[in-house]
N, C-alpha and C. Protein backbone atom coordinates (compact mmCIF):
# COMPACT_ATOMS: atom_id res chain seq x y z
N MET A 1 2.00 -23.96 -15.22
CA MET A 1 1.27 -22.74 -15.30
C MET A 1 2.04 -21.58 -14.92
N ASP A 2 2.24 -20.71 -15.95
CA ASP A 2 2.93 -19.45 -15.67
C ASP A 2 2.22 -18.07 -15.45
N VAL A 3 0.93 -18.06 -15.92
CA VAL A 3 0.10 -16.70 -15.73
C VAL A 3 -1.13 -17.06 -15.05
N LEU A 4 -1.46 -16.29 -13.85
CA LEU A 4 -2.66 -16.62 -13.13
C LEU A 4 -3.32 -15.22 -13.37
N ILE A 5 -4.64 -15.30 -13.64
CA ILE A 5 -5.50 -13.81 -13.88
C ILE A 5 -6.45 -14.24 -12.58
N VAL A 6 -6.58 -13.11 -11.82
CA VAL A 6 -7.32 -13.08 -10.59
C VAL A 6 -8.57 -12.21 -11.42
N GLY A 7 -9.78 -12.89 -11.36
CA GLY A 7 -10.98 -12.13 -11.96
C GLY A 7 -10.79 -12.34 -13.51
N GLY A 8 -10.46 -13.46 -14.05
CA GLY A 8 -10.27 -13.66 -15.54
C GLY A 8 -11.37 -13.87 -16.23
N ARG A 9 -12.58 -14.13 -15.46
CA ARG A 9 -13.75 -14.10 -16.25
C ARG A 9 -14.65 -12.87 -16.42
N GLY A 10 -14.01 -11.82 -15.74
CA GLY A 10 -14.52 -10.57 -15.86
C GLY A 10 -14.41 -10.02 -17.16
N GLU A 11 -14.71 -8.58 -17.28
CA GLU A 11 -14.59 -8.19 -18.69
C GLU A 11 -13.08 -7.75 -19.10
N PHE A 12 -12.34 -7.10 -18.02
CA PHE A 12 -10.96 -6.79 -18.23
C PHE A 12 -10.20 -8.11 -18.40
N GLY A 13 -10.35 -9.15 -17.59
CA GLY A 13 -9.59 -10.33 -17.82
C GLY A 13 -9.85 -11.22 -18.98
N GLN A 14 -11.23 -11.05 -19.56
CA GLN A 14 -11.52 -11.64 -20.91
C GLN A 14 -10.63 -11.01 -21.89
N PHE A 15 -10.66 -9.46 -21.60
CA PHE A 15 -10.04 -8.66 -22.82
C PHE A 15 -8.62 -8.92 -22.71
N LEU A 16 -7.86 -9.40 -21.55
CA LEU A 16 -6.51 -9.59 -21.45
C LEU A 16 -6.20 -11.13 -22.17
N GLN A 17 -7.11 -11.97 -21.88
CA GLN A 17 -6.85 -13.29 -22.42
C GLN A 17 -7.07 -13.21 -24.02
N ARG A 18 -7.99 -12.38 -24.37
CA ARG A 18 -8.20 -12.23 -25.77
C ARG A 18 -7.30 -11.58 -26.69
N ASP A 19 -7.09 -10.30 -26.16
CA ASP A 19 -6.48 -9.37 -27.10
C ASP A 19 -5.08 -8.98 -26.78
N ILE A 20 -4.71 -9.36 -25.57
CA ILE A 20 -3.37 -9.03 -25.17
C ILE A 20 -2.35 -10.08 -24.91
N LEU A 21 -2.82 -10.76 -24.00
CA LEU A 21 -1.75 -11.90 -23.84
C LEU A 21 -1.39 -12.87 -25.07
N PRO A 22 -2.17 -13.15 -25.84
CA PRO A 22 -1.60 -13.94 -27.00
C PRO A 22 -0.52 -13.18 -27.62
N HIS A 23 -0.58 -11.86 -27.73
CA HIS A 23 0.56 -11.30 -28.39
C HIS A 23 1.92 -11.08 -27.63
N ILE A 24 1.78 -11.20 -26.32
CA ILE A 24 2.95 -11.12 -25.56
C ILE A 24 3.54 -12.31 -24.66
N CYS A 25 2.72 -13.46 -24.81
CA CYS A 25 3.40 -14.71 -24.06
C CYS A 25 2.60 -15.69 -24.66
N ARG A 26 3.36 -16.77 -24.50
CA ARG A 26 2.77 -18.16 -24.83
C ARG A 26 2.49 -19.20 -23.73
N GLU A 27 2.84 -18.60 -22.59
CA GLU A 27 2.52 -19.26 -21.38
C GLU A 27 1.13 -19.84 -21.07
N PRO A 28 0.88 -20.90 -20.39
CA PRO A 28 -0.66 -21.36 -20.00
C PRO A 28 -1.11 -20.18 -19.08
N VAL A 29 -2.20 -19.95 -19.31
CA VAL A 29 -3.14 -19.16 -18.51
C VAL A 29 -4.00 -19.60 -17.50
N SER A 30 -4.15 -19.38 -16.28
CA SER A 30 -5.35 -20.00 -15.59
C SER A 30 -5.96 -18.74 -14.74
N ASN A 31 -7.30 -19.03 -14.28
CA ASN A 31 -8.12 -17.92 -13.56
C ASN A 31 -8.34 -18.41 -12.28
N VAL A 32 -8.51 -17.38 -11.44
CA VAL A 32 -8.93 -17.45 -10.08
C VAL A 32 -10.10 -16.41 -10.07
N GLU A 33 -11.32 -16.91 -9.48
CA GLU A 33 -12.38 -16.13 -9.19
C GLU A 33 -12.66 -16.17 -7.66
N ARG A 34 -13.62 -15.32 -7.28
CA ARG A 34 -14.20 -15.11 -5.86
C ARG A 34 -14.45 -16.44 -5.33
N GLU A 35 -15.23 -17.16 -6.04
CA GLU A 35 -15.66 -18.54 -5.53
C GLU A 35 -14.73 -19.84 -5.53
N THR A 36 -13.40 -19.41 -6.13
CA THR A 36 -12.36 -20.35 -5.83
C THR A 36 -11.95 -20.61 -4.63
N SER A 37 -11.79 -21.90 -4.02
CA SER A 37 -11.48 -22.30 -2.79
C SER A 37 -10.21 -21.73 -2.31
N THR A 38 -9.88 -21.66 -1.05
CA THR A 38 -8.69 -21.14 -0.56
C THR A 38 -7.64 -22.04 -0.99
N GLU A 39 -7.74 -23.41 -0.60
CA GLU A 39 -6.95 -24.37 -1.06
C GLU A 39 -6.39 -24.29 -2.61
N GLU A 40 -7.36 -24.07 -3.29
CA GLU A 40 -7.03 -24.13 -4.79
C GLU A 40 -6.39 -22.72 -5.10
N ARG A 41 -6.81 -21.76 -4.60
CA ARG A 41 -6.31 -20.29 -4.88
C ARG A 41 -4.68 -20.45 -4.47
N GLN A 42 -4.37 -20.98 -3.27
CA GLN A 42 -3.07 -21.07 -2.83
C GLN A 42 -2.34 -21.81 -3.66
N LEU A 43 -2.73 -23.23 -4.15
CA LEU A 43 -1.84 -23.88 -5.22
C LEU A 43 -1.55 -23.11 -6.52
N LEU A 44 -2.81 -22.53 -6.89
CA LEU A 44 -2.55 -21.69 -8.26
C LEU A 44 -1.49 -20.71 -8.01
N ILE A 45 -1.66 -19.86 -6.99
CA ILE A 45 -0.58 -18.87 -6.80
C ILE A 45 0.76 -19.50 -6.71
N LYS A 46 1.03 -20.60 -5.78
CA LYS A 46 2.38 -21.25 -5.92
C LYS A 46 2.80 -21.41 -7.11
N ASN A 47 2.26 -22.11 -7.96
CA ASN A 47 2.62 -22.60 -9.29
C ASN A 47 2.61 -21.45 -10.38
N ALA A 48 2.07 -20.32 -9.99
CA ALA A 48 2.26 -19.21 -11.07
C ALA A 48 3.54 -18.39 -11.17
N ARG A 49 4.09 -17.89 -12.08
CA ARG A 49 5.05 -16.94 -12.24
C ARG A 49 4.71 -15.55 -12.36
N HIS A 50 3.53 -15.38 -12.92
CA HIS A 50 3.09 -13.99 -12.94
C HIS A 50 1.63 -14.12 -12.55
N VAL A 51 1.15 -13.07 -11.75
CA VAL A 51 -0.07 -13.05 -11.13
C VAL A 51 -0.72 -11.62 -11.58
N VAL A 52 -1.80 -11.61 -12.15
CA VAL A 52 -2.45 -10.33 -12.78
C VAL A 52 -3.68 -10.30 -12.11
N VAL A 53 -3.94 -8.99 -11.45
CA VAL A 53 -5.24 -8.82 -10.79
C VAL A 53 -6.04 -8.04 -11.81
N ALA A 54 -7.07 -8.64 -12.35
CA ALA A 54 -7.88 -7.94 -13.29
C ALA A 54 -9.44 -7.77 -12.90
N THR A 55 -9.44 -7.12 -11.58
CA THR A 55 -10.64 -6.96 -11.12
C THR A 55 -11.06 -5.64 -10.64
N PRO A 56 -12.36 -5.48 -10.54
CA PRO A 56 -12.77 -3.97 -9.99
C PRO A 56 -12.02 -3.68 -8.72
N LEU A 57 -11.77 -2.59 -8.42
CA LEU A 57 -11.10 -2.19 -7.17
C LEU A 57 -12.12 -2.43 -5.97
N ALA A 58 -13.44 -2.20 -6.01
CA ALA A 58 -14.56 -2.43 -4.98
C ALA A 58 -14.52 -3.81 -4.80
N GLY A 59 -14.19 -4.16 -3.55
CA GLY A 59 -14.60 -5.39 -3.09
C GLY A 59 -13.35 -6.54 -3.19
N TYR A 60 -12.29 -6.07 -3.86
CA TYR A 60 -11.18 -6.98 -4.20
C TYR A 60 -9.96 -6.31 -3.42
N ALA A 61 -9.90 -5.39 -2.71
CA ALA A 61 -8.81 -5.01 -1.82
C ALA A 61 -8.29 -6.04 -1.16
N GLU A 62 -9.00 -6.69 -0.28
CA GLU A 62 -8.72 -7.68 0.51
C GLU A 62 -8.12 -8.86 -0.17
N LEU A 63 -8.76 -9.27 -1.39
CA LEU A 63 -8.07 -10.33 -2.33
C LEU A 63 -6.64 -9.98 -2.51
N ALA A 64 -6.49 -8.87 -3.05
CA ALA A 64 -5.03 -8.29 -3.54
C ALA A 64 -4.25 -8.43 -2.43
N CYS A 65 -4.56 -7.99 -1.15
CA CYS A 65 -3.66 -8.11 0.01
C CYS A 65 -3.46 -9.39 0.25
N GLU A 66 -4.30 -10.44 0.12
CA GLU A 66 -4.00 -11.63 0.25
C GLU A 66 -2.93 -12.24 -0.53
N LEU A 67 -3.12 -11.95 -1.91
CA LEU A 67 -2.21 -12.40 -3.04
C LEU A 67 -0.78 -11.96 -2.56
N VAL A 68 -0.85 -10.66 -2.22
CA VAL A 68 0.74 -10.32 -1.93
C VAL A 68 1.24 -11.01 -0.64
N TYR A 69 0.36 -11.35 0.39
CA TYR A 69 0.82 -12.07 1.63
C TYR A 69 1.04 -13.40 1.15
N ARG A 70 0.31 -14.14 0.27
CA ARG A 70 0.69 -15.48 -0.15
C ARG A 70 2.07 -15.50 -0.91
N CYS A 71 2.04 -14.53 -1.65
CA CYS A 71 3.37 -14.46 -2.64
C CYS A 71 4.72 -14.29 -1.94
N ARG A 72 4.60 -13.80 -0.67
CA ARG A 72 5.86 -13.65 0.50
C ARG A 72 6.35 -15.21 0.69
N ASP A 73 5.37 -16.23 0.60
CA ASP A 73 6.00 -17.42 1.16
C ASP A 73 6.51 -18.26 0.17
N VAL A 74 6.65 -17.81 -1.27
CA VAL A 74 7.22 -18.61 -2.39
C VAL A 74 8.70 -18.56 -2.33
N SER A 75 9.02 -19.56 -2.95
CA SER A 75 10.84 -19.66 -3.03
C SER A 75 11.09 -19.13 -4.48
N GLN A 76 10.28 -18.98 -5.43
CA GLN A 76 10.41 -18.69 -6.74
C GLN A 76 10.10 -17.00 -7.10
N PRO A 77 10.68 -16.45 -7.94
CA PRO A 77 10.36 -15.11 -8.43
C PRO A 77 8.91 -15.11 -8.91
N LYS A 78 8.30 -13.91 -8.51
CA LYS A 78 6.91 -13.80 -8.95
C LYS A 78 6.69 -12.34 -9.16
N THR A 79 5.73 -11.99 -10.27
CA THR A 79 5.38 -10.54 -10.68
C THR A 79 3.92 -10.60 -10.16
N VAL A 80 3.58 -9.43 -9.70
CA VAL A 80 2.08 -9.31 -9.24
C VAL A 80 1.77 -7.86 -9.79
């Protein structure tokens, strides 16, 4: 997996997957939502090359901070 969308089932996440990403990349896309378990989220973050935060700002600041923190521990380059 190369692209991970945090909040991919939301309005902006769906817009990205439907109207933008098909035109700029061919990599597989996965989604992480609030209810995604911590273990699964960590595995998806570890395996992703690009992490897109496509969520409303309210309530997701902590999640965004966690993503940045988790990305510090990876050995491969990542974009957030």
